[in-house]
Amino acid sequence: MKIFRLKKGDELVSELIKKIDSLGVKSGVVIGVGALSSAELMMYDLKSKKYFSKKIKGAMEIGSFTAIVTRGIQGETHIHPHIVVSDSKFKTFCGHLKEGIVAATFEAVLFPSQEIIERYKDTDIGLNLIK
């Protein structure tokens, strides 16, 4: 288990990948808590095989963050992050996190796996799935 944090102003997804790479982790699970000042969430439409997105600005509390760490098709670090955030009126939004700017802090626990988990392109679904 590895515990770390990202700082105010960090872009959560890209910095998380950098941190995972710096730790030499090939696969695992990340859970986290914190706050964001902006985020872009995505949902996948199975019929069109395309993502649609929603950008949110303003203070948000992270109610839940989970990401699966795998190897992408080219062998690169790939994270599949899902998040639930709430605004100042406690209205929640959830989806696949494309990007988010850390507002105060993002505290994370990484549970690395000894297994190397890879992805492949599933043409029927249109997504890169775990092998």
N, C-alpha and C. Protein backbone atom coordinates (compact mmCIF):
# COMPACT_ATOMS: atom_id res chain seq x y z
N MET A 1 0.86 -1.18 0.00
CA MET A 1 0.00 0.00 0.00
C MET A 1 0.90 1.23 0.00
N LYS A 2 0.54 2.23 -0.80
CA LYS A 2 1.26 3.50 -0.87
C LYS A 2 0.25 4.61 -0.61
N ILE A 3 0.61 5.55 0.26
CA ILE A 3 -0.24 6.71 0.54
C ILE A 3 0.50 7.95 0.09
N PHE A 4 -0.20 8.83 -0.64
CA PHE A 4 0.43 10.06 -1.13
C PHE A 4 -0.65 11.11 -1.34
N ARG A 5 -0.22 12.31 -1.69
CA ARG A 5 -1.19 13.35 -1.98
C ARG A 5 -0.74 14.16 -3.18
N LEU A 6 -1.73 14.77 -3.84
CA LEU A 6 -1.48 15.74 -4.89
C LEU A 6 -1.80 17.10 -4.30
N LYS A 7 -1.19 18.14 -4.84
CA LYS A 7 -1.35 19.46 -4.24
C LYS A 7 -2.27 20.37 -5.04
N LYS A 8 -2.64 21.46 -4.41
CA LYS A 8 -3.50 22.48 -5.03
C LYS A 8 -2.94 22.88 -6.39
N GLY A 9 -3.83 22.90 -7.38
CA GLY A 9 -3.45 23.29 -8.74
C GLY A 9 -3.04 22.15 -9.64
N ASP A 10 -2.77 20.97 -9.08
CA ASP A 10 -2.40 19.81 -9.90
C ASP A 10 -3.59 19.35 -10.73
N GLU A 11 -3.32 18.90 -11.93
CA GLU A 11 -4.35 18.25 -12.74
C GLU A 11 -4.36 16.80 -12.29
N LEU A 12 -5.46 16.37 -11.71
CA LEU A 12 -5.52 15.10 -11.00
C LEU A 12 -5.13 13.90 -11.85
N VAL A 13 -5.69 13.74 -13.02
CA VAL A 13 -5.46 12.53 -13.82
C VAL A 13 -4.00 12.43 -14.27
N SER A 14 -3.46 13.49 -14.86
CA SER A 14 -2.08 13.42 -15.37
C SER A 14 -1.07 13.30 -14.24
N GLU A 15 -1.29 14.00 -13.13
CA GLU A 15 -0.36 13.90 -11.99
C GLU A 15 -0.46 12.55 -11.32
N LEU A 16 -1.63 11.97 -11.29
CA LEU A 16 -1.79 10.64 -10.72
C LEU A 16 -1.01 9.61 -11.55
N ILE A 17 -1.09 9.72 -12.86
CA ILE A 17 -0.32 8.81 -13.73
C ILE A 17 1.17 8.99 -13.49
N LYS A 18 1.64 10.24 -13.38
CA LYS A 18 3.06 10.49 -13.11
C LYS A 18 3.49 9.85 -11.79
N LYS A 19 2.65 9.99 -10.77
CA LYS A 19 2.96 9.43 -9.46
C LYS A 19 3.02 7.90 -9.53
N ILE A 20 2.06 7.29 -10.19
CA ILE A 20 2.04 5.84 -10.34
C ILE A 20 3.31 5.37 -11.06
N ASP A 21 3.68 6.07 -12.13
CA ASP A 21 4.90 5.73 -12.87
C ASP A 21 6.14 5.87 -11.98
N SER A 22 6.19 6.95 -11.18
CA SER A 22 7.37 7.17 -10.33
C SER A 22 7.51 6.09 -9.26
N LEU A 23 6.40 5.46 -8.90
CA LEU A 23 6.43 4.38 -7.91
C LEU A 23 6.69 3.02 -8.56
N GLY A 24 6.72 2.98 -9.90
CA GLY A 24 6.99 1.73 -10.60
C GLY A 24 5.85 0.73 -10.58
N VAL A 25 4.64 1.22 -10.34
CA VAL A 25 3.47 0.34 -10.25
C VAL A 25 2.94 0.05 -11.65
N LYS A 26 2.67 -1.22 -11.91
CA LYS A 26 2.17 -1.64 -13.23
C LYS A 26 0.66 -1.83 -13.25
N SER A 27 0.07 -2.15 -12.08
CA SER A 27 -1.38 -2.31 -12.01
C SER A 27 -1.80 -2.20 -10.55
N GLY A 28 -3.11 -1.95 -10.36
CA GLY A 28 -3.62 -1.85 -9.00
C GLY A 28 -4.89 -1.04 -8.95
N VAL A 29 -5.18 -0.52 -7.75
CA VAL A 29 -6.38 0.26 -7.50
C VAL A 29 -5.99 1.50 -6.70
N VAL A 30 -6.60 2.64 -7.04
CA VAL A 30 -6.40 3.88 -6.29
C VAL A 30 -7.75 4.32 -5.75
N ILE A 31 -7.78 4.70 -4.47
CA ILE A 31 -8.96 5.37 -3.92
C ILE A 31 -8.49 6.71 -3.37
N GLY A 32 -9.38 7.71 -3.39
CA GLY A 32 -8.95 9.01 -2.94
C GLY A 32 -10.08 9.90 -2.48
N VAL A 33 -9.67 10.95 -1.74
CA VAL A 33 -10.58 11.98 -1.26
C VAL A 33 -9.92 13.33 -1.43
N GLY A 34 -10.71 14.38 -1.41
CA GLY A 34 -10.17 15.73 -1.55
C GLY A 34 -11.20 16.68 -2.11
N ALA A 35 -10.69 17.67 -2.85
CA ALA A 35 -11.56 18.69 -3.42
C ALA A 35 -11.02 19.14 -4.77
N LEU A 36 -11.94 19.55 -5.64
CA LEU A 36 -11.58 20.05 -6.97
C LEU A 36 -12.14 21.45 -7.17
N SER A 37 -11.48 22.22 -8.03
CA SER A 37 -12.00 23.54 -8.40
C SER A 37 -12.67 23.51 -9.77
N SER A 38 -12.36 22.49 -10.55
CA SER A 38 -13.04 22.26 -11.84
C SER A 38 -12.84 20.81 -12.22
N ALA A 39 -13.74 20.32 -13.06
CA ALA A 39 -13.66 18.93 -13.49
C ALA A 39 -14.37 18.77 -14.82
N GLU A 40 -13.94 17.78 -15.56
CA GLU A 40 -14.66 17.36 -16.75
C GLU A 40 -14.97 15.88 -16.56
N LEU A 41 -16.28 15.57 -16.52
CA LEU A 41 -16.75 14.21 -16.34
C LEU A 41 -17.27 13.68 -17.67
N MET A 42 -17.16 12.38 -17.87
CA MET A 42 -17.61 11.78 -19.12
C MET A 42 -18.49 10.56 -18.85
N MET A 43 -19.37 10.31 -19.79
CA MET A 43 -20.21 9.11 -19.80
C MET A 43 -20.07 8.50 -21.19
N TYR A 44 -20.12 7.19 -21.26
CA TYR A 44 -19.98 6.49 -22.54
C TYR A 44 -21.35 6.07 -23.06
N ASP A 45 -21.61 6.41 -24.32
CA ASP A 45 -22.86 6.01 -24.97
C ASP A 45 -22.58 4.76 -25.79
N LEU A 46 -23.14 3.64 -25.37
CA LEU A 46 -22.88 2.36 -26.02
C LEU A 46 -23.37 2.32 -27.46
N LYS A 47 -24.49 3.00 -27.75
CA LYS A 47 -25.02 2.99 -29.13
C LYS A 47 -24.09 3.69 -30.10
N SER A 48 -23.67 4.92 -29.77
CA SER A 48 -22.81 5.69 -30.67
C SER A 48 -21.34 5.35 -30.50
N LYS A 49 -21.00 4.64 -29.40
CA LYS A 49 -19.63 4.30 -29.07
C LYS A 49 -18.76 5.55 -28.91
N LYS A 50 -19.37 6.57 -28.29
CA LYS A 50 -18.66 7.83 -28.06
C LYS A 50 -18.93 8.30 -26.65
N TYR A 51 -17.97 9.04 -26.13
CA TYR A 51 -18.15 9.68 -24.83
C TYR A 51 -18.83 11.03 -25.02
N PHE A 52 -19.66 11.43 -24.07
CA PHE A 52 -20.12 12.81 -23.99
C PHE A 52 -19.66 13.32 -22.64
N SER A 53 -19.50 14.63 -22.52
CA SER A 53 -18.89 15.15 -21.30
C SER A 53 -19.63 16.35 -20.74
N LYS A 54 -19.31 16.64 -19.48
CA LYS A 54 -19.87 17.79 -18.79
C LYS A 54 -18.73 18.44 -18.02
N LYS A 55 -18.55 19.75 -18.23
CA LYS A 55 -17.55 20.50 -17.48
C LYS A 55 -18.23 21.17 -16.29
N ILE A 56 -17.59 21.08 -15.14
CA ILE A 56 -18.12 21.67 -13.91
C ILE A 56 -17.06 22.60 -13.34
N LYS A 57 -17.48 23.79 -12.97
CA LYS A 57 -16.55 24.75 -12.37
C LYS A 57 -17.06 25.15 -10.99
N GLY A 58 -16.13 25.49 -10.10
CA GLY A 58 -16.49 25.88 -8.75
C GLY A 58 -16.07 24.82 -7.75
N ALA A 59 -16.16 25.17 -6.50
CA ALA A 59 -15.71 24.27 -5.43
C ALA A 59 -16.51 22.98 -5.43
N MET A 60 -15.80 21.86 -5.39
CA MET A 60 -16.43 20.54 -5.35
C MET A 60 -15.72 19.67 -4.33
N GLU A 61 -16.49 18.97 -3.56
CA GLU A 61 -15.96 17.97 -2.64
C GLU A 61 -15.96 16.63 -3.35
N ILE A 62 -14.89 15.87 -3.24
CA ILE A 62 -14.84 14.53 -3.81
C ILE A 62 -15.48 13.58 -2.81
N GLY A 63 -16.63 13.04 -3.16
CA GLY A 63 -17.32 12.08 -2.30
C GLY A 63 -16.78 10.68 -2.47
N SER A 64 -16.30 10.39 -3.67
CA SER A 64 -15.76 9.06 -3.96
C SER A 64 -14.86 9.16 -5.18
N PHE A 65 -13.71 8.51 -5.11
CA PHE A 65 -12.81 8.42 -6.26
C PHE A 65 -12.20 7.03 -6.25
N THR A 66 -12.35 6.34 -7.37
CA THR A 66 -11.76 5.02 -7.54
C THR A 66 -11.18 4.94 -8.95
N ALA A 67 -9.99 4.38 -9.06
CA ALA A 67 -9.39 4.19 -10.38
C ALA A 67 -8.72 2.82 -10.44
N ILE A 68 -8.88 2.17 -11.57
CA ILE A 68 -8.19 0.91 -11.85
C ILE A 68 -6.95 1.26 -12.66
N VAL A 69 -5.80 0.75 -12.24
CA VAL A 69 -4.53 0.98 -12.93
C VAL A 69 -4.19 -0.26 -13.74
N THR A 70 -3.97 -0.06 -15.04
CA THR A 70 -3.60 -1.16 -15.93
C THR A 70 -2.54 -0.66 -16.91
N ARG A 71 -2.16 -1.52 -17.81
CA ARG A 71 -1.29 -1.18 -18.93
C ARG A 71 -2.17 -0.96 -20.15
N GLY A 72 -1.95 0.17 -20.84
CA GLY A 72 -2.71 0.46 -22.05
C GLY A 72 -2.26 -0.42 -23.21
N ILE A 73 -2.88 -0.24 -24.35
CA ILE A 73 -2.58 -1.06 -25.53
C ILE A 73 -1.12 -0.92 -25.95
N GLN A 74 -0.53 0.26 -25.76
CA GLN A 74 0.87 0.49 -26.09
C GLN A 74 1.81 0.21 -24.92
N GLY A 75 1.28 -0.31 -23.81
CA GLY A 75 2.09 -0.62 -22.64
C GLY A 75 2.22 0.53 -21.66
N GLU A 76 1.57 1.65 -21.95
CA GLU A 76 1.63 2.83 -21.09
C GLU A 76 0.72 2.66 -19.87
N THR A 77 0.99 3.47 -18.83
CA THR A 77 0.11 3.45 -17.66
C THR A 77 -1.25 3.98 -18.07
N HIS A 78 -2.27 3.23 -17.73
CA HIS A 78 -3.65 3.62 -18.04
C HIS A 78 -4.45 3.59 -16.74
N ILE A 79 -5.16 4.66 -16.47
CA ILE A 79 -6.07 4.62 -15.32
C ILE A 79 -7.50 4.79 -15.82
N HIS A 80 -8.38 4.08 -15.17
CA HIS A 80 -9.82 4.18 -15.46
C HIS A 80 -10.46 4.78 -14.21
N PRO A 81 -10.53 6.13 -14.16
CA PRO A 81 -11.00 6.81 -12.95
C PRO A 81 -12.48 7.16 -12.98
N HIS A 82 -13.17 6.82 -11.90
CA HIS A 82 -14.55 7.24 -11.72
C HIS A 82 -14.63 8.08 -10.45
N ILE A 83 -15.52 9.07 -10.48
CA ILE A 83 -15.58 10.03 -9.39
C ILE A 83 -17.02 10.46 -9.12
N VAL A 84 -17.28 10.77 -7.87
CA VAL A 84 -18.52 11.42 -7.46
C VAL A 84 -18.10 12.70 -6.76
N VAL A 85 -18.63 13.84 -7.23
CA VAL A 85 -18.34 15.14 -6.61
C VAL A 85 -19.65 15.81 -6.24
N SER A 86 -19.57 16.71 -5.25
CA SER A 86 -20.75 17.50 -4.91
C SER A 86 -20.38 18.96 -4.85
N ASP A 87 -21.35 19.81 -5.22
CA ASP A 87 -21.12 21.25 -5.19
C ASP A 87 -21.55 21.81 -3.83
N SER A 88 -21.53 23.13 -3.71
CA SER A 88 -21.83 23.78 -2.43
C SER A 88 -23.29 23.58 -1.98
N LYS A 89 -24.15 23.16 -2.91
CA LYS A 89 -25.55 22.88 -2.56
C LYS A 89 -25.79 21.38 -2.38
N PHE A 90 -24.70 20.62 -2.32
CA PHE A 90 -24.73 19.17 -2.16
C PHE A 90 -25.35 18.44 -3.34
N LYS A 91 -25.39 19.09 -4.50
CA LYS A 91 -25.82 18.43 -5.73
C LYS A 91 -24.64 17.59 -6.21
N THR A 92 -24.92 16.33 -6.54
CA THR A 92 -23.83 15.43 -6.93
C THR A 92 -23.78 15.21 -8.44
N PHE A 93 -22.58 14.92 -8.88
CA PHE A 93 -22.30 14.57 -10.27
C PHE A 93 -21.35 13.38 -10.22
N CYS A 94 -21.53 12.45 -11.15
CA CYS A 94 -20.57 11.35 -11.18
C CYS A 94 -20.32 10.93 -12.62
N GLY A 95 -19.21 10.28 -12.81
CA GLY A 95 -18.85 9.78 -14.13
C GLY A 95 -17.38 9.44 -14.19
N HIS A 96 -16.92 9.22 -15.39
CA HIS A 96 -15.53 8.96 -15.68
C HIS A 96 -14.81 10.31 -15.64
N LEU A 97 -13.75 10.42 -14.85
CA LEU A 97 -13.03 11.69 -14.74
C LEU A 97 -12.04 11.84 -15.88
N LYS A 98 -12.28 12.81 -16.76
CA LYS A 98 -11.33 13.11 -17.83
C LYS A 98 -10.21 13.98 -17.29
N GLU A 99 -10.58 15.03 -16.54
CA GLU A 99 -9.57 15.88 -15.90
C GLU A 99 -10.21 16.65 -14.76
N GLY A 100 -9.38 17.04 -13.82
CA GLY A 100 -9.86 17.82 -12.68
C GLY A 100 -8.70 18.55 -12.04
N ILE A 101 -8.96 19.76 -11.59
CA ILE A 101 -7.93 20.56 -10.93
C ILE A 101 -8.14 20.48 -9.42
N VAL A 102 -7.08 20.07 -8.73
CA VAL A 102 -7.14 19.93 -7.28
C VAL A 102 -7.31 21.31 -6.66
N ALA A 103 -8.32 21.45 -5.78
CA ALA A 103 -8.60 22.74 -5.13
C ALA A 103 -7.75 22.94 -3.89
N ALA A 104 -7.68 21.98 -3.02
CA ALA A 104 -6.92 22.10 -1.77
C ALA A 104 -5.92 20.95 -1.67
N THR A 105 -6.45 19.73 -1.77
CA THR A 105 -5.60 18.54 -1.70
C THR A 105 -6.34 17.37 -2.30
N PHE A 106 -5.60 16.37 -2.69
CA PHE A 106 -6.15 15.08 -3.09
C PHE A 106 -5.29 14.03 -2.39
N GLU A 107 -5.90 13.30 -1.46
CA GLU A 107 -5.19 12.28 -0.70
C GLU A 107 -5.59 10.92 -1.25
N ALA A 108 -4.57 10.10 -1.53
CA ALA A 108 -4.85 8.84 -2.21
C ALA A 108 -4.14 7.67 -1.54
N VAL A 109 -4.76 6.51 -1.69
CA VAL A 109 -4.16 5.25 -1.30
C VAL A 109 -4.08 4.40 -2.56
N LEU A 110 -2.88 3.91 -2.85
CA LEU A 110 -2.65 3.05 -4.00
C LEU A 110 -2.39 1.64 -3.50
N PHE A 111 -3.16 0.70 -3.99
CA PHE A 111 -2.98 -0.71 -3.68
C PHE A 111 -2.40 -1.38 -4.93
N PRO A 112 -1.08 -1.53 -4.99
CA PRO A 112 -0.47 -2.13 -6.18
C PRO A 112 -0.72 -3.63 -6.25
N SER A 113 -0.71 -4.14 -7.46
CA SER A 113 -0.86 -5.57 -7.70
C SER A 113 0.43 -6.11 -8.29
N GLN A 114 0.74 -7.34 -8.01
CA GLN A 114 1.91 -8.00 -8.61
C GLN A 114 1.62 -8.41 -10.06
N GLU A 115 0.33 -8.54 -10.37
CA GLU A 115 -0.09 -8.96 -11.71
C GLU A 115 -0.04 -7.77 -12.67
N ILE A 116 0.44 -8.00 -13.87
CA ILE A 116 0.39 -6.96 -14.90
C ILE A 116 -0.91 -7.17 -15.67
N ILE A 117 -1.78 -6.18 -15.59
CA ILE A 117 -3.09 -6.26 -16.24
C ILE A 117 -3.05 -5.39 -17.48
N GLU A 118 -3.38 -5.99 -18.63
CA GLU A 118 -3.33 -5.28 -19.90
C GLU A 118 -4.75 -5.04 -20.44
N ARG A 119 -4.82 -4.18 -21.43
CA ARG A 119 -6.09 -3.86 -22.09
C ARG A 119 -6.02 -4.22 -23.56
N TYR A 120 -7.19 -4.44 -24.14
CA TYR A 120 -7.32 -4.68 -25.58
C TYR A 120 -8.53 -3.91 -26.09
N LYS A 121 -8.56 -3.63 -27.38
CA LYS A 121 -9.67 -2.91 -27.99
C LYS A 121 -10.79 -3.89 -28.31
N ASP A 122 -11.94 -3.73 -27.65
CA ASP A 122 -13.12 -4.53 -27.93
C ASP A 122 -13.93 -3.78 -28.98
N THR A 123 -13.96 -4.28 -30.20
CA THR A 123 -14.63 -3.57 -31.29
C THR A 123 -16.14 -3.57 -31.17
N ASP A 124 -16.71 -4.59 -30.52
CA ASP A 124 -18.16 -4.65 -30.34
C ASP A 124 -18.63 -3.54 -29.39
N ILE A 125 -17.94 -3.38 -28.27
CA ILE A 125 -18.31 -2.36 -27.29
C ILE A 125 -17.70 -1.01 -27.64
N GLY A 126 -16.50 -1.04 -28.22
CA GLY A 126 -15.84 0.21 -28.60
C GLY A 126 -14.91 0.76 -27.53
N LEU A 127 -14.59 -0.06 -26.53
CA LEU A 127 -13.74 0.40 -25.44
C LEU A 127 -12.51 -0.49 -25.31
N ASN A 128 -11.48 0.05 -24.66
CA ASN A 128 -10.30 -0.73 -24.32
C ASN A 128 -10.58 -1.41 -22.97
N LEU A 129 -10.79 -2.72 -23.02
CA LEU A 129 -11.19 -3.48 -21.85
C LEU A 129 -10.04 -4.30 -21.27
N ILE A 130 -10.18 -4.68 -20.01
CA ILE A 130 -9.20 -5.54 -19.36
C ILE A 130 -9.21 -6.91 -20.03
N LYS A 131 -8.00 -7.43 -20.32
CA LYS A 131 -7.90 -8.77 -20.93
C LYS A 131 -8.32 -9.83 -19.95
